Amino acid sequence: MAATITFRPDDEARLALEELTADGTPVSAAVRNALVEAAARHAKARLRSEVEALATDPEDRAEAARVLRDMEHLRAW
């Protein structure tokens, strides 16, 4: 998908963009990289939240314990 996106940076975003482009990185590359990194952080945070919810879910923990108990006989000596 090739699309042009326009935005109006506030002071904080403008300073961040200046930092990201200080080494000569083009603005478009800096913005693309920042979006990809932000999406990765967001996905990791969402996954972490799901894992924490499952870790504290008594029904899920009980099911996991049942599965481990049922698979105990498959364990290598």
Protein backbone atom coordinates (compact mmCIF):
# COMPACT_ATOMS: atom_id res chain seq x y z
CA MET A 1 0.00 0.00 0.00
CA ALA A 2 1.62 3.22 -1.11
CA ALA A 3 -0.05 6.16 0.56
CA THR A 4 0.99 9.64 1.48
CA ILE A 5 0.32 10.62 5.07
CA THR A 6 0.51 14.19 6.28
CA PHE A 7 0.71 15.20 9.92
CA ARG A 8 1.27 18.33 11.95
CA PRO A 9 3.85 17.61 14.62
CA ASP A 10 3.59 19.31 17.98
CA ASP A 11 6.74 20.56 19.69
CA GLU A 12 7.51 17.17 21.23
CA ALA A 13 7.09 15.34 17.92
CA ARG A 14 9.13 17.96 16.07
CA LEU A 15 12.01 17.56 18.55
CA ALA A 16 11.78 13.77 18.25
CA LEU A 17 11.86 14.02 14.47
CA GLU A 18 14.88 16.32 14.62
CA GLU A 19 16.65 13.74 16.80
CA LEU A 20 15.76 10.89 14.44
CA THR A 21 16.96 12.78 11.36
CA ALA A 22 20.05 14.44 12.85
CA ASP A 23 22.29 11.82 11.22
CA GLY A 24 20.87 12.50 7.78
CA THR A 25 18.11 9.91 7.87
CA PRO A 26 15.30 11.09 5.60
CA VAL A 27 12.14 12.16 7.40
CA SER A 28 10.05 9.52 5.61
CA ALA A 29 12.45 6.75 6.69
CA ALA A 30 12.49 8.02 10.28
CA VAL A 31 8.69 8.10 10.39
CA ARG A 32 8.39 4.61 8.82
CA ASN A 33 10.93 3.18 11.28
CA ALA A 34 9.22 4.84 14.23
CA LEU A 35 5.84 3.45 13.19
CA VAL A 36 7.20 -0.07 12.77
CA GLU A 37 8.97 0.08 16.15
CA ALA A 38 5.86 1.50 17.85
CA ALA A 39 3.69 -1.27 16.34
CA ALA A 40 6.14 -3.93 17.56
CA ARG A 41 6.11 -2.45 21.09
CA HIS A 42 2.31 -2.30 20.99
CA ALA A 43 2.04 -5.95 19.88
CA LYS A 44 4.44 -7.06 22.62
CA ALA A 45 2.51 -5.10 25.24
CA ARG A 46 -0.77 -6.64 24.06
CA LEU A 47 0.74 -10.13 24.16
CA ARG A 48 2.21 -9.48 27.61
CA SER A 49 -1.23 -8.40 28.83
CA GLU A 50 -2.83 -11.55 27.45
CA VAL A 51 -0.18 -13.73 29.07
CA GLU A 52 -0.64 -12.00 32.42
CA ALA A 53 -4.41 -12.49 32.17
CA LEU A 54 -3.98 -16.20 31.44
CA ALA A 55 -1.41 -16.59 34.22
CA THR A 56 -3.94 -15.33 36.75
CA ASP A 57 -6.94 -17.19 35.29
CA PRO A 58 -7.71 -20.06 37.70
CA GLU A 59 -9.59 -22.05 35.04
CA ASP A 60 -6.71 -21.79 32.57
CA ARG A 61 -4.18 -22.75 35.24
CA ALA A 62 -6.30 -25.76 36.23
CA GLU A 63 -6.56 -26.86 32.58
CA ALA A 64 -2.79 -26.53 32.15
CA ALA A 65 -2.25 -28.63 35.28
CA ARG A 66 -4.64 -31.30 33.92
CA VAL A 67 -2.80 -31.40 30.60
CA LEU A 68 0.56 -31.74 32.33
CA ARG A 69 -0.78 -34.50 34.56
CA ASP A 70 -2.28 -36.34 31.57
CA MET A 71 1.01 -36.10 29.65
CA GLU A 72 3.21 -37.22 32.54
CA HIS A 73 3.31 -40.79 31.23
CA LEU A 74 4.87 -39.55 27.96
CA ARG A 75 7.87 -38.11 29.75
CA ALA A 76 11.26 -39.54 28.78
CA TRP A 77 13.10 -41.54 31.42
